[in-house]
N, C-alpha and C. Protein backbone atom coordinates (compact mmCIF):
# COMPACT_ATOMS: atom_id res chain seq x y z
N MET A 1 112.35 109.79 89.25
CA MET A 1 113.07 110.36 90.55
C MET A 1 114.55 109.92 90.98
N SER A 2 115.29 109.22 90.13
CA SER A 2 115.95 108.85 90.30
C SER A 2 117.36 109.86 89.41
N ASN A 3 116.89 110.86 88.93
CA ASN A 3 117.76 111.62 88.38
C ASN A 3 118.10 112.62 89.27
N THR A 4 116.90 113.22 89.70
CA THR A 4 116.58 113.94 91.31
C THR A 4 117.19 113.72 92.20
N ILE A 5 117.26 112.67 92.65
CA ILE A 5 118.36 111.61 93.62
C ILE A 5 119.51 112.14 93.67
N VAL A 6 120.08 111.83 92.33
CA VAL A 6 121.35 111.19 92.09
C VAL A 6 121.52 113.29 91.81
N ASN A 7 121.33 113.77 91.50
CA ASN A 7 121.60 115.49 90.94
C ASN A 7 121.49 116.30 92.54
N ASN A 8 120.74 115.74 93.63
CA ASN A 8 120.70 116.12 95.04
C ASN A 8 121.32 115.69 95.38
N ILE A 9 122.22 114.64 95.93
CA ILE A 9 123.12 113.82 96.36
C ILE A 9 124.58 114.57 96.02
N LYS A 10 125.04 114.88 94.86
CA LYS A 10 125.90 115.13 94.43
C LYS A 10 126.03 117.30 94.65
N LYS A 11 124.90 117.83 94.41
CA LYS A 11 124.66 118.93 95.20
C LYS A 11 125.46 118.79 96.71
N GLN A 12 124.23 117.97 97.76
CA GLN A 12 125.10 118.06 98.61
C GLN A 12 126.52 117.44 99.31
N LEU A 13 127.19 116.22 97.99
CA LEU A 13 128.32 116.32 98.53
C LEU A 13 129.52 117.33 98.54
N ASN A 14 128.76 117.85 97.58
CA ASN A 14 129.92 119.13 96.97
C ASN A 14 129.80 119.84 97.54
N ALA A 15 128.40 120.55 98.23
CA ALA A 15 128.70 121.63 99.58
C ALA A 15 129.42 121.49 100.47
N LYS A 16 129.27 119.76 100.83
CA LYS A 16 130.24 119.39 101.96
C LYS A 16 131.79 118.94 102.15
N ASN A 17 132.10 118.93 100.73
CA ASN A 17 133.67 118.34 100.13
C ASN A 17 133.10 116.99 100.80
N MET A 18 132.76 116.33 100.47
CA MET A 18 132.63 114.78 100.93
C MET A 18 132.63 113.97 99.63
N SER A 19 133.06 113.04 99.92
CA SER A 19 133.62 111.86 98.89
C SER A 19 132.03 110.64 99.09
N ALA A 20 131.43 109.95 98.44
CA ALA A 20 130.81 109.26 98.12
C ALA A 20 131.02 107.87 98.61
N ALA A 21 132.70 107.73 98.64
CA ALA A 21 132.48 106.46 100.00
C ALA A 21 132.96 107.14 101.04
N GLU A 22 133.15 108.20 101.42
CA GLU A 22 133.03 108.87 102.87
C GLU A 22 131.11 108.76 103.11
N LEU A 23 130.66 109.13 102.44
CA LEU A 23 128.88 109.13 102.54
C LEU A 23 128.62 107.86 102.94
N GLU A 24 129.12 106.51 102.30
CA GLU A 24 128.86 105.35 102.16
C GLU A 24 129.13 104.86 103.91
N ARG A 25 130.48 105.37 104.09
CA ARG A 25 131.08 104.87 105.53
C ARG A 25 130.50 105.69 106.38
N ARG A 26 129.51 106.58 106.39
CA ARG A 26 129.23 107.02 107.84
C ARG A 26 127.55 106.73 107.36
N THR A 27 126.93 106.18 106.50
CA THR A 27 125.49 105.63 106.81
C THR A 27 125.62 104.10 107.02
N GLY A 28 127.00 103.44 106.73
CA GLY A 28 127.01 102.37 106.91
C GLY A 28 126.82 101.39 106.10
N ILE A 29 126.25 102.11 104.77
CA ILE A 29 125.38 100.96 103.47
C ILE A 29 126.83 100.70 102.54
N PRO A 30 127.37 99.64 102.80
CA PRO A 30 128.24 99.36 101.64
C PRO A 30 127.33 99.79 100.21
N HIS A 31 127.81 100.73 98.97
CA HIS A 31 127.52 100.70 97.77
C HIS A 31 126.05 101.65 97.29
N ALA A 32 125.69 101.78 98.25
CA ALA A 32 124.51 102.10 98.44
C ALA A 32 124.28 104.12 97.47
N VAL A 33 125.30 104.49 97.91
CA VAL A 33 125.68 105.60 97.22
C VAL A 33 125.97 105.70 95.85
N VAL A 34 127.04 105.01 96.12
CA VAL A 34 127.75 104.71 94.03
C VAL A 34 126.91 104.13 93.36
N ASN A 35 126.03 102.92 93.60
CA ASN A 35 124.91 102.25 93.32
C ASN A 35 123.85 103.40 92.69
N ILE A 36 123.82 104.55 93.56
CA ILE A 36 122.34 105.33 92.73
C ILE A 36 123.11 106.03 92.15
N LEU A 37 124.35 106.51 92.29
CA LEU A 37 124.99 107.66 91.47
C LEU A 37 125.27 106.89 90.38
N HIS A 38 125.61 106.05 89.83
CA HIS A 38 125.93 105.42 89.14
C HIS A 38 124.49 104.56 88.07
N GLY A 39 123.37 104.91 88.84
CA GLY A 39 122.41 104.62 88.20
C GLY A 39 121.85 103.52 88.06
N ARG A 40 122.56 101.99 89.14
CA ARG A 40 122.39 101.04 89.43
C ARG A 40 121.44 101.01 90.30
N SER A 41 121.08 101.64 91.27
CA SER A 41 120.13 101.83 92.45
C SER A 41 118.76 102.75 91.86
N LYS A 42 117.90 102.70 91.24
CA LYS A 42 117.31 103.73 90.43
C LYS A 42 116.06 104.11 91.57
N ASN A 43 115.72 103.37 92.79
CA ASN A 43 114.21 103.24 93.67
C ASN A 43 114.84 103.16 95.21
N PRO A 44 115.76 103.53 95.45
CA PRO A 44 116.31 103.28 96.46
C PRO A 44 115.66 103.82 97.93
N SER A 45 115.80 102.16 98.63
CA SER A 45 114.46 102.12 99.83
C SER A 45 114.61 103.24 101.02
N LEU A 46 113.51 103.48 101.47
CA LEU A 46 113.16 104.85 102.23
C LEU A 46 114.31 104.76 103.15
N LYS A 47 114.63 103.65 103.79
CA LYS A 47 115.86 103.41 104.93
C LYS A 47 116.89 103.81 104.44
N THR A 48 117.41 103.46 103.27
CA THR A 48 118.54 104.11 102.51
C THR A 48 118.67 105.89 102.60
N ALA A 49 117.82 106.13 101.45
CA ALA A 49 117.05 107.37 101.57
C ALA A 49 117.40 108.33 102.79
N GLN A 50 116.71 107.91 103.94
CA GLN A 50 116.86 108.47 105.14
C GLN A 50 118.21 108.56 105.58
N ALA A 51 118.24 107.62 105.40
CA ALA A 51 120.09 107.29 105.91
C ALA A 51 121.15 108.35 105.18
N ILE A 52 120.77 108.65 104.11
CA ILE A 52 121.85 109.70 103.29
C ILE A 52 121.04 110.62 103.77
N ALA A 53 120.12 111.10 103.82
CA ALA A 53 119.53 112.57 104.26
C ALA A 53 120.25 113.19 105.47
N LYS A 54 120.15 111.83 106.86
CA LYS A 54 120.80 112.18 107.86
C LYS A 54 122.10 112.63 107.76
N GLU A 55 123.22 111.77 107.47
CA GLU A 55 124.53 112.04 107.29
C GLU A 55 124.70 113.61 106.15
N LEU A 56 123.74 113.43 105.62
CA LEU A 56 123.96 114.93 104.23
C LEU A 56 123.73 115.69 105.49
N GLY A 57 123.16 116.09 106.47
CA GLY A 57 122.44 117.03 107.10
C GLY A 57 121.64 118.01 106.36
N CYS A 58 120.33 116.73 105.34
CA CYS A 58 119.12 117.31 105.03
C CYS A 58 117.82 116.48 105.65
N SER A 59 116.89 117.80 104.97
CA SER A 59 115.78 116.52 104.85
C SER A 59 115.65 115.02 103.81
N LEU A 60 114.80 114.56 104.03
CA LEU A 60 114.04 113.41 103.38
C LEU A 60 113.95 114.34 101.79
N GLU A 61 113.16 115.62 102.21
CA GLU A 61 112.29 116.34 101.31
C GLU A 61 113.20 116.89 100.51
N GLU A 62 114.41 117.35 100.68
CA GLU A 62 115.70 117.66 100.39
C GLU A 62 116.27 116.84 99.15
N LEU A 63 115.90 115.94 99.42
CA LEU A 63 117.11 114.67 98.98
C LEU A 63 115.88 114.66 97.89
N ILE A 64 114.95 114.24 97.72
CA ILE A 64 114.04 113.60 96.71
C ILE A 64 113.44 114.68 95.96
N SER A 65 113.18 115.60 95.98
CA SER A 65 111.98 117.03 95.53
C SER A 65 113.30 117.42 94.66
N ASP A 66 112.36 117.48 93.18
CA ASP A 66 112.83 118.38 91.82
C ASP A 66 113.40 119.68 92.68
N ASN A 67 112.54 120.62 93.30
CA ASN A 67 112.44 121.84 93.65
C ASN A 67 112.40 122.17 94.70
N PRO A 68 113.77 121.80 96.20
CA PRO A 68 113.42 121.51 97.34
C PRO A 68 113.59 123.09 98.00
N SER A 69 112.61 123.33 98.57
CA SER A 69 112.60 124.43 99.44
C SER A 69 113.50 124.60 100.66
N PRO A 70 114.27 125.41 101.03
CA PRO A 70 115.14 125.58 102.57
C PRO A 70 114.49 126.03 103.30
N VAL A 71 112.68 126.09 103.03
CA VAL A 71 112.08 126.42 104.13
C VAL A 71 111.99 125.64 105.48
N ALA A 72 112.55 124.32 104.85
CA ALA A 72 112.05 123.26 105.88
C ALA A 72 113.28 123.35 106.76
N THR A 73 114.36 123.82 106.53
CA THR A 73 115.46 123.50 107.47
C THR A 73 115.60 124.90 108.03
N THR A 74 115.04 125.76 107.53
CA THR A 74 115.61 126.98 108.29
C THR A 74 114.31 127.58 108.86
N THR A 75 113.23 127.14 109.21
CA THR A 75 112.27 127.47 110.24
C THR A 75 112.29 127.07 111.20
N ASN A 76 112.68 127.67 111.83
CA ASN A 76 112.55 126.90 113.71
C ASN A 76 111.21 127.02 114.17
N ALA A 77 109.99 128.12 113.65
CA ALA A 77 108.94 128.40 114.84
C ALA A 77 107.76 126.94 114.44
N TRP A 78 107.17 126.55 115.19
CA TRP A 78 106.93 125.76 115.07
C TRP A 78 105.02 126.20 115.21
N ASN A 79 104.54 125.18 114.17
CA ASN A 79 102.85 125.94 113.58
C ASN A 79 102.40 124.65 113.91
N ALA A 80 101.01 124.98 114.95
CA ALA A 80 100.63 123.95 115.86
C ALA A 80 99.37 123.49 114.50
N THR A 81 98.99 124.34 114.00
CA THR A 81 97.69 124.42 112.68
C THR A 81 98.14 123.37 111.75
N LEU A 82 99.28 123.43 111.61
CA LEU A 82 100.26 122.45 110.35
C LEU A 82 100.17 121.33 111.12
N TYR A 83 100.84 121.17 112.48
CA TYR A 83 101.16 120.10 112.50
C TYR A 83 100.08 118.98 113.06
N LYS A 84 98.85 119.66 113.58
CA LYS A 84 97.62 118.73 113.88
C LYS A 84 97.32 118.75 112.41
N ALA A 85 97.16 119.53 111.63
CA ALA A 85 96.66 118.80 110.01
C ALA A 85 97.41 117.52 109.39
N CYS A 86 98.59 117.77 109.91
CA CYS A 86 99.59 116.47 109.40
C CYS A 86 99.10 115.14 110.28
N PHE A 87 98.79 115.47 111.56
CA PHE A 87 98.54 114.22 112.28
C PHE A 87 97.44 113.43 112.10
N GLU A 88 96.31 114.51 111.55
CA GLU A 88 94.83 113.98 110.94
C GLU A 88 95.45 112.88 110.05
N ALA A 89 95.82 114.14 109.04
CA ALA A 89 96.16 113.05 107.79
C ALA A 89 97.16 111.94 108.00
N VAL A 90 97.93 111.93 108.39
CA VAL A 90 98.77 110.09 108.90
C VAL A 90 97.68 109.34 109.77
N PHE A 91 96.93 110.43 110.27
CA PHE A 91 95.94 109.40 111.59
C PHE A 91 94.73 108.78 110.48
N ASN A 92 94.34 109.93 109.67
CA ASN A 92 93.04 109.06 108.31
C ASN A 92 93.58 108.18 106.90
N CYS A 93 95.11 108.27 107.02
CA CYS A 93 95.45 107.61 106.33
C CYS A 93 95.71 105.89 107.12
N LEU A 94 96.11 105.85 107.96
CA LEU A 94 96.40 104.92 108.22
C LEU A 94 95.00 103.94 108.98
N GLN A 95 93.89 104.62 109.39
CA GLN A 95 92.33 104.31 109.16
C GLN A 95 92.40 103.62 108.03
N GLU A 96 92.69 104.13 107.03
CA GLU A 96 92.02 103.88 105.29
C GLU A 96 92.73 102.19 105.34
N LEU A 97 94.32 102.48 105.42
CA LEU A 97 95.23 101.12 104.66
C LEU A 97 95.10 99.82 106.30
N LYS A 98 94.31 100.31 107.10
CA LYS A 98 93.95 99.19 108.23
C LYS A 98 95.36 99.32 108.64
N LEU A 99 96.26 99.78 108.95
CA LEU A 99 97.61 99.88 109.74
C LEU A 99 98.22 100.09 110.87
N GLN A 100 98.16 99.29 112.09
CA GLN A 100 98.57 99.46 113.14
C GLN A 100 100.29 99.87 113.37
N PRO A 101 100.99 100.63 112.93
CA PRO A 101 102.40 100.89 113.11
C PRO A 101 102.84 100.89 114.63
N LYS A 102 103.87 100.92 114.82
CA LYS A 102 104.48 101.30 116.07
C LYS A 102 104.18 102.69 116.59
N PHE A 103 104.48 103.47 118.00
CA PHE A 103 104.61 104.61 118.29
C PHE A 103 105.36 105.43 117.46
N HIS A 104 106.96 104.72 117.34
CA HIS A 104 107.61 105.43 116.83
C HIS A 104 107.73 105.88 115.19
N GLU A 105 107.17 105.00 114.69
CA GLU A 105 106.82 104.84 113.00
C GLU A 105 105.55 106.20 112.84
N VAL A 106 104.72 105.97 113.79
CA VAL A 106 103.42 107.14 113.60
C VAL A 106 104.69 108.47 113.80
N SER A 107 104.96 108.64 114.99
CA SER A 107 105.65 109.73 115.13
C SER A 107 106.55 110.11 113.98
N GLU A 108 107.80 109.33 113.11
CA GLU A 108 108.13 109.87 112.34
C GLU A 108 107.35 110.00 110.43
N PHE A 109 106.27 109.42 110.68
CA PHE A 109 104.57 109.46 109.53
C PHE A 109 104.66 111.16 109.60
N ILE A 110 104.31 111.56 111.03
CA ILE A 110 103.86 112.73 111.26
C ILE A 110 104.62 113.54 111.22
N ASN A 111 106.28 113.56 111.59
CA ASN A 111 107.29 114.68 111.39
C ASN A 111 107.39 114.82 109.96
N GLU A 112 107.55 113.49 109.56
CA GLU A 112 108.23 113.92 108.01
C GLU A 112 107.04 114.24 107.02
N THR A 113 105.67 114.53 107.15
CA THR A 113 104.71 114.98 106.50
C THR A 113 104.69 116.31 107.00
N TYR A 114 104.74 116.89 107.91
CA TYR A 114 105.22 118.17 108.41
C TYR A 114 106.24 118.94 107.92
N ASN A 115 107.39 118.21 108.19
CA ASN A 115 108.58 118.55 107.02
C ASN A 115 108.63 119.18 106.06
N TYR A 116 107.74 117.77 104.84
CA TYR A 116 107.59 117.91 103.60
C TYR A 116 106.60 119.21 103.28
N THR A 117 105.32 119.46 104.63
CA THR A 117 104.52 120.60 104.26
C THR A 117 105.21 121.83 104.18
N LEU A 118 106.09 121.76 105.45
CA LEU A 118 106.79 123.17 105.66
C LEU A 118 107.44 123.40 103.87
N GLY A 119 108.20 122.44 103.47
CA GLY A 119 109.18 123.03 102.37
C GLY A 119 108.20 122.86 101.25
N SER A 120 106.69 123.05 100.94
CA SER A 120 106.00 122.74 99.88
C SER A 120 105.62 124.23 99.86
N LYS A 121 105.10 124.76 98.60
CA LYS A 121 105.15 125.88 98.47
C LYS A 121 103.25 126.39 98.95
N THR A 122 102.87 125.33 99.21
CA THR A 122 101.00 125.36 100.55
C THR A 122 101.08 125.14 101.62
N THR A 123 100.39 125.17 102.42
CA THR A 123 100.60 124.69 103.44
C THR A 123 99.40 123.79 103.53
N THR A 124 99.05 123.28 102.73
CA THR A 124 97.68 122.41 102.57
C THR A 124 99.13 120.76 102.73
N VAL A 125 98.32 119.79 103.28
CA VAL A 125 98.95 118.46 103.66
C VAL A 125 98.96 117.84 102.14
N ASP A 126 99.94 116.68 101.41
CA ASP A 126 99.53 116.13 100.71
C ASP A 126 99.26 114.60 100.78
N LEU A 127 98.18 114.60 100.80
CA LEU A 127 97.73 113.43 101.18
C LEU A 127 98.72 112.47 99.99
N HIS A 128 98.56 112.53 98.93
CA HIS A 128 99.41 111.40 98.25
C HIS A 128 100.53 111.35 98.68
N PHE A 129 101.36 112.25 99.13
CA PHE A 129 102.73 111.99 99.85
C PHE A 129 102.63 111.39 100.93
N VAL A 130 101.59 111.68 102.11
CA VAL A 130 101.20 110.75 103.24
C VAL A 130 100.71 109.29 102.81
N ALA A 131 100.26 108.83 102.04
CA ALA A 131 99.96 107.66 101.82
C ALA A 131 101.07 107.00 100.96
N TRP A 132 102.08 107.91 99.98
CA TRP A 132 103.32 106.72 99.82
C TRP A 132 104.16 106.88 100.86
N PHE A 133 104.35 107.76 101.39
CA PHE A 133 105.55 108.25 102.57
C PHE A 133 105.30 106.37 103.84
N ILE A 134 103.71 106.63 103.99
CA ILE A 134 103.56 105.26 104.59
C ILE A 134 104.10 103.53 104.18
N LYS A 135 103.32 104.17 103.11
CA LYS A 135 103.60 102.40 102.35
C LYS A 135 105.07 102.22 102.23
N LYS A 136 105.90 102.99 102.33
CA LYS A 136 107.23 103.00 101.76
C LYS A 136 107.73 102.47 102.96
N SER A 137 107.65 103.47 103.74
CA SER A 137 108.07 103.04 105.07
C SER A 137 107.78 101.67 105.63
N LEU A 138 106.72 101.39 105.74
CA LEU A 138 106.38 99.90 106.15
C LEU A 138 106.58 99.04 104.83
N GLY A 139 106.77 99.28 103.96
CA GLY A 139 107.40 98.40 102.54
C GLY A 139 106.10 97.89 102.12
N SER A 140 105.08 98.28 101.66
CA SER A 140 104.02 97.87 101.02
C SER A 140 103.75 99.12 99.60
N CYS A 141 104.69 98.98 99.27
CA CYS A 141 105.31 99.41 97.66
C CYS A 141 106.12 99.21 96.92
């Protein structure tokens, strides 16, 4: 994942005509971007990746994916069936892991799963992504 995130950060920085230092200033996380770009941080925390994606104006999926799809950011239509499937996947995963996160965390899990699925080539929820994202968010990975 480290080469992918490095390449995607570089593309986003170039597209936005922004320096790594400016991105670090905006995220409020000193040295995070430079450490990622220079290979000193090969597996950034979810919090760091989310902060970087937010400041770059892209989704987490666009930041970490080898082939980010523009669908996740260009479509505004809500797919209720897909959202329900994402909710069910997150709910089932939380039950399997015997976790009871806060409401805002559950909402984040569902929304990120929904956006990730919108950006994928299929409309099937990736259960491995759901489990990874929940574990990474809660520090269990």
